[in-house]
Amino acid sequence: MGRDTYMISGSQPSLTSFSNSGALKARLLKEANDWCKNNGLVMIPMNYQGFDGASINAEIIFRAVPANDSENIRPTFHRAPDHHQMISIRNQ
């Protein structure tokens, strides 16, 4: 996606009413972390989106940096608005 910035995404069918994007998110985070470790890097999550429905979808944006990189700090998570949410911006 850009310098040191990657995206991983996945989907799975919603098998039960208890299925949600949380389990898929955990799997994707592990895959991203494993990829970084195998390449001698540290994974820094940047953003997450998950969509539940007939099919569960998730997307994670992360940075892959050396352990001594200045961005290797505690992450601050920002979740994008749900695709069903309406956002209203009013000028005041």
N, C-alpha and C. Protein backbone atom coordinates (compact mmCIF):
# COMPACT_ATOMS: atom_id res chain seq x y z
N MET A 1 0.82 -1.20 0.00
CA MET A 1 0.00 0.00 0.00
C MET A 1 0.85 1.25 0.00
N GLY A 2 2.08 1.12 0.41
CA GLY A 2 2.99 2.25 0.51
C GLY A 2 4.23 1.79 1.25
N ARG A 3 5.10 2.70 1.55
CA ARG A 3 6.34 2.34 2.22
C ARG A 3 6.05 1.64 3.54
N ASP A 4 6.50 0.41 3.68
CA ASP A 4 6.37 -0.41 4.89
C ASP A 4 4.92 -0.67 5.29
N THR A 5 3.95 -0.38 4.44
CA THR A 5 2.54 -0.50 4.79
C THR A 5 1.88 -1.57 3.94
N TYR A 6 1.18 -2.47 4.60
CA TYR A 6 0.58 -3.62 3.94
C TYR A 6 -0.88 -3.78 4.35
N MET A 7 -1.62 -4.55 3.56
CA MET A 7 -3.00 -4.88 3.90
C MET A 7 -3.17 -6.38 3.77
N ILE A 8 -3.89 -6.96 4.71
CA ILE A 8 -4.27 -8.36 4.61
C ILE A 8 -5.78 -8.39 4.79
N SER A 9 -6.44 -9.21 4.00
CA SER A 9 -7.90 -9.30 4.11
C SER A 9 -8.31 -10.76 3.97
N GLY A 10 -9.51 -11.05 4.42
CA GLY A 10 -10.02 -12.40 4.32
C GLY A 10 -11.52 -12.40 4.47
N SER A 11 -12.11 -13.54 4.14
CA SER A 11 -13.55 -13.70 4.31
C SER A 11 -13.84 -15.16 4.64
N GLN A 12 -14.99 -15.37 5.22
CA GLN A 12 -15.44 -16.71 5.52
C GLN A 12 -16.96 -16.68 5.60
N PRO A 13 -17.61 -17.81 5.33
CA PRO A 13 -19.07 -17.82 5.44
C PRO A 13 -19.49 -17.71 6.90
N SER A 14 -20.60 -17.08 7.13
CA SER A 14 -21.15 -17.00 8.48
C SER A 14 -21.90 -18.30 8.74
N LEU A 15 -21.26 -19.21 9.49
CA LEU A 15 -21.82 -20.54 9.69
C LEU A 15 -22.90 -20.59 10.76
N THR A 16 -22.78 -19.75 11.77
CA THR A 16 -23.76 -19.75 12.85
C THR A 16 -24.08 -18.32 13.24
N SER A 17 -25.08 -18.18 14.07
CA SER A 17 -25.42 -16.83 14.55
C SER A 17 -24.34 -16.30 15.48
N PHE A 18 -23.40 -17.17 15.92
CA PHE A 18 -22.33 -16.74 16.81
C PHE A 18 -21.07 -16.35 16.05
N SER A 19 -21.07 -16.53 14.72
CA SER A 19 -19.92 -16.16 13.91
C SER A 19 -19.84 -14.65 13.79
N ASN A 20 -18.62 -14.12 13.90
CA ASN A 20 -18.44 -12.68 13.69
C ASN A 20 -17.02 -12.42 13.20
N SER A 21 -16.75 -11.19 12.90
CA SER A 21 -15.46 -10.84 12.30
C SER A 21 -14.32 -10.88 13.31
N GLY A 22 -14.60 -11.01 14.61
CA GLY A 22 -13.54 -11.04 15.62
C GLY A 22 -12.59 -12.21 15.43
N ALA A 23 -13.11 -13.40 15.19
CA ALA A 23 -12.26 -14.58 15.00
C ALA A 23 -11.43 -14.44 13.72
N LEU A 24 -12.04 -13.90 12.68
CA LEU A 24 -11.31 -13.68 11.43
C LEU A 24 -10.22 -12.63 11.63
N LYS A 25 -10.53 -11.59 12.39
CA LYS A 25 -9.54 -10.56 12.68
C LYS A 25 -8.33 -11.17 13.41
N ALA A 26 -8.59 -12.03 14.39
CA ALA A 26 -7.50 -12.67 15.14
C ALA A 26 -6.63 -13.51 14.21
N ARG A 27 -7.25 -14.24 13.29
CA ARG A 27 -6.50 -15.07 12.35
C ARG A 27 -5.64 -14.20 11.44
N LEU A 28 -6.21 -13.10 10.94
CA LEU A 28 -5.46 -12.22 10.05
C LEU A 28 -4.30 -11.53 10.78
N LEU A 29 -4.53 -11.12 12.04
CA LEU A 29 -3.45 -10.51 12.82
C LEU A 29 -2.30 -11.50 13.02
N LYS A 30 -2.64 -12.75 13.30
CA LYS A 30 -1.61 -13.77 13.47
C LYS A 30 -0.84 -13.99 12.17
N GLU A 31 -1.55 -14.06 11.04
CA GLU A 31 -0.89 -14.23 9.75
C GLU A 31 0.06 -13.06 9.46
N ALA A 32 -0.39 -11.85 9.70
CA ALA A 32 0.44 -10.67 9.46
C ALA A 32 1.66 -10.68 10.38
N ASN A 33 1.44 -11.01 11.65
CA ASN A 33 2.55 -11.06 12.61
C ASN A 33 3.55 -12.14 12.23
N ASP A 34 3.07 -13.33 11.83
CA ASP A 34 3.96 -14.41 11.42
C ASP A 34 4.79 -14.00 10.20
N TRP A 35 4.14 -13.32 9.23
CA TRP A 35 4.87 -12.88 8.03
C TRP A 35 5.99 -11.92 8.42
N CYS A 36 5.66 -10.98 9.31
CA CYS A 36 6.67 -10.00 9.75
C CYS A 36 7.82 -10.70 10.45
N LYS A 37 7.51 -11.61 11.37
CA LYS A 37 8.57 -12.33 12.10
C LYS A 37 9.47 -13.10 11.13
N ASN A 38 8.86 -13.76 10.14
CA ASN A 38 9.65 -14.53 9.17
C ASN A 38 10.55 -13.64 8.33
N ASN A 39 10.25 -12.36 8.27
CA ASN A 39 11.06 -11.41 7.50
C ASN A 39 11.89 -10.51 8.42
N GLY A 40 12.00 -10.86 9.70
CA GLY A 40 12.81 -10.09 10.64
C GLY A 40 12.25 -8.72 10.97
N LEU A 41 10.92 -8.59 10.91
CA LEU A 41 10.27 -7.31 11.13
C LEU A 41 9.26 -7.40 12.28
N VAL A 42 8.75 -6.24 12.67
CA VAL A 42 7.73 -6.14 13.71
C VAL A 42 6.46 -5.62 13.05
N MET A 43 5.32 -6.24 13.39
CA MET A 43 4.04 -5.83 12.83
C MET A 43 3.41 -4.76 13.71
N ILE A 44 3.00 -3.65 13.10
CA ILE A 44 2.32 -2.56 13.81
C ILE A 44 0.94 -2.39 13.17
N PRO A 45 -0.13 -2.85 13.84
CA PRO A 45 -1.48 -2.67 13.28
C PRO A 45 -1.82 -1.19 13.18
N MET A 46 -2.44 -0.80 12.06
CA MET A 46 -2.79 0.59 11.84
C MET A 46 -4.30 0.80 11.80
N ASN A 47 -5.02 -0.13 11.15
CA ASN A 47 -6.45 0.05 10.96
C ASN A 47 -7.09 -1.31 10.78
N TYR A 48 -8.37 -1.40 11.15
CA TYR A 48 -9.12 -2.64 11.02
C TYR A 48 -10.54 -2.33 10.59
N GLN A 49 -11.04 -3.15 9.68
CA GLN A 49 -12.45 -3.08 9.30
C GLN A 49 -12.98 -4.50 9.28
N GLY A 50 -14.17 -4.69 9.82
CA GLY A 50 -14.81 -5.99 9.80
C GLY A 50 -16.28 -5.83 9.47
N PHE A 51 -16.79 -6.74 8.67
CA PHE A 51 -18.18 -6.69 8.26
C PHE A 51 -18.80 -8.05 8.51
N ASP A 52 -19.86 -8.08 9.30
CA ASP A 52 -20.58 -9.31 9.59
C ASP A 52 -21.85 -9.36 8.74
N GLY A 53 -22.22 -10.53 8.33
CA GLY A 53 -23.43 -10.72 7.54
C GLY A 53 -23.46 -12.16 7.05
N ALA A 54 -24.04 -12.39 5.88
CA ALA A 54 -24.06 -13.74 5.32
C ALA A 54 -22.63 -14.24 5.10
N SER A 55 -21.74 -13.33 4.81
CA SER A 55 -20.32 -13.62 4.70
C SER A 55 -19.59 -12.66 5.62
N ILE A 56 -18.60 -13.16 6.32
CA ILE A 56 -17.81 -12.33 7.24
C ILE A 56 -16.55 -11.89 6.52
N ASN A 57 -16.28 -10.61 6.53
CA ASN A 57 -15.11 -10.05 5.87
C ASN A 57 -14.33 -9.20 6.86
N ALA A 58 -13.02 -9.21 6.72
CA ALA A 58 -12.17 -8.37 7.57
C ALA A 58 -10.96 -7.93 6.76
N GLU A 59 -10.45 -6.76 7.14
CA GLU A 59 -9.29 -6.17 6.47
C GLU A 59 -8.45 -5.49 7.54
N ILE A 60 -7.16 -5.74 7.50
CA ILE A 60 -6.24 -5.13 8.45
C ILE A 60 -5.13 -4.43 7.67
N ILE A 61 -4.86 -3.19 8.02
CA ILE A 61 -3.73 -2.46 7.46
C ILE A 61 -2.67 -2.40 8.54
N PHE A 62 -1.44 -2.74 8.17
CA PHE A 62 -0.36 -2.77 9.16
C PHE A 62 0.94 -2.30 8.53
N ARG A 63 1.86 -1.93 9.41
CA ARG A 63 3.21 -1.59 8.97
C ARG A 63 4.14 -2.72 9.40
N ALA A 64 5.15 -2.95 8.61
CA ALA A 64 6.18 -3.95 8.89
C ALA A 64 7.51 -3.22 8.94
N VAL A 65 8.07 -3.10 10.14
CA VAL A 65 9.27 -2.30 10.34
C VAL A 65 10.30 -3.08 11.16
N PRO A 66 11.58 -2.70 11.07
CA PRO A 66 12.58 -3.31 11.94
C PRO A 66 12.28 -3.00 13.41
N ALA A 67 12.73 -3.85 14.30
CA ALA A 67 12.45 -3.69 15.73
C ALA A 67 12.93 -2.35 16.28
N ASN A 68 14.00 -1.80 15.74
CA ASN A 68 14.54 -0.54 16.25
C ASN A 68 13.96 0.69 15.54
N ASP A 69 12.95 0.51 14.70
CA ASP A 69 12.33 1.63 13.98
C ASP A 69 11.60 2.54 14.95
N SER A 70 11.61 3.83 14.69
CA SER A 70 10.96 4.80 15.58
C SER A 70 9.44 4.61 15.65
N GLU A 71 8.83 3.92 14.68
CA GLU A 71 7.39 3.68 14.71
C GLU A 71 7.02 2.44 15.52
N ASN A 72 8.00 1.72 16.01
CA ASN A 72 7.73 0.53 16.82
C ASN A 72 7.37 0.97 18.25
N ILE A 73 6.17 1.51 18.38
CA ILE A 73 5.65 1.99 19.66
C ILE A 73 4.26 1.39 19.86
N ARG A 74 3.66 1.63 21.01
CA ARG A 74 2.31 1.13 21.25
C ARG A 74 1.37 1.67 20.18
N PRO A 75 0.56 0.79 19.57
CA PRO A 75 -0.34 1.25 18.51
C PRO A 75 -1.57 1.97 19.06
N THR A 76 -2.07 2.89 18.26
CA THR A 76 -3.35 3.54 18.52
C THR A 76 -4.29 3.07 17.43
N PHE A 77 -5.38 2.42 17.82
CA PHE A 77 -6.28 1.84 16.83
C PHE A 77 -7.36 2.83 16.43
N HIS A 78 -7.66 2.83 15.14
CA HIS A 78 -8.72 3.66 14.58
C HIS A 78 -9.59 2.75 13.73
N ARG A 79 -10.85 2.67 14.07
CA ARG A 79 -11.76 1.83 13.30
C ARG A 79 -12.53 2.71 12.34
N ALA A 80 -12.55 2.29 11.10
CA ALA A 80 -13.31 3.01 10.08
C ALA A 80 -14.80 2.86 10.37
N PRO A 81 -15.62 3.79 9.96
CA PRO A 81 -17.06 3.67 10.17
C PRO A 81 -17.60 2.42 9.48
N ASP A 82 -18.61 1.79 10.11
CA ASP A 82 -19.27 0.67 9.47
C ASP A 82 -19.88 1.12 8.17
N HIS A 83 -19.93 0.24 7.21
CA HIS A 83 -20.44 0.63 5.89
C HIS A 83 -21.94 0.93 5.92
N HIS A 84 -22.64 0.55 6.99
CA HIS A 84 -24.07 0.85 7.11
C HIS A 84 -24.32 2.14 7.88
N GLN A 85 -23.29 2.72 8.43
CA GLN A 85 -23.44 3.90 9.27
C GLN A 85 -23.46 5.16 8.40
N MET A 86 -24.38 6.05 8.70
CA MET A 86 -24.46 7.30 7.98
C MET A 86 -23.70 8.37 8.77
N ILE A 87 -22.89 9.12 8.09
CA ILE A 87 -22.11 10.18 8.72
C ILE A 87 -22.64 11.52 8.19
N SER A 88 -22.93 12.41 9.11
CA SER A 88 -23.41 13.71 8.72
C SER A 88 -22.40 14.77 9.15
N ILE A 89 -21.96 15.58 8.20
CA ILE A 89 -21.02 16.65 8.51
C ILE A 89 -21.74 17.96 8.25
N ARG A 90 -21.77 18.78 9.26
CA ARG A 90 -22.46 20.06 9.14
C ARG A 90 -21.47 21.19 9.37
N ASN A 91 -21.51 22.19 8.52
CA ASN A 91 -20.66 23.36 8.71
C ASN A 91 -21.34 24.27 9.73
N GLN A 92 -20.54 24.74 10.65
CA GLN A 92 -21.10 25.62 11.69
C GLN A 92 -20.52 27.00 11.60
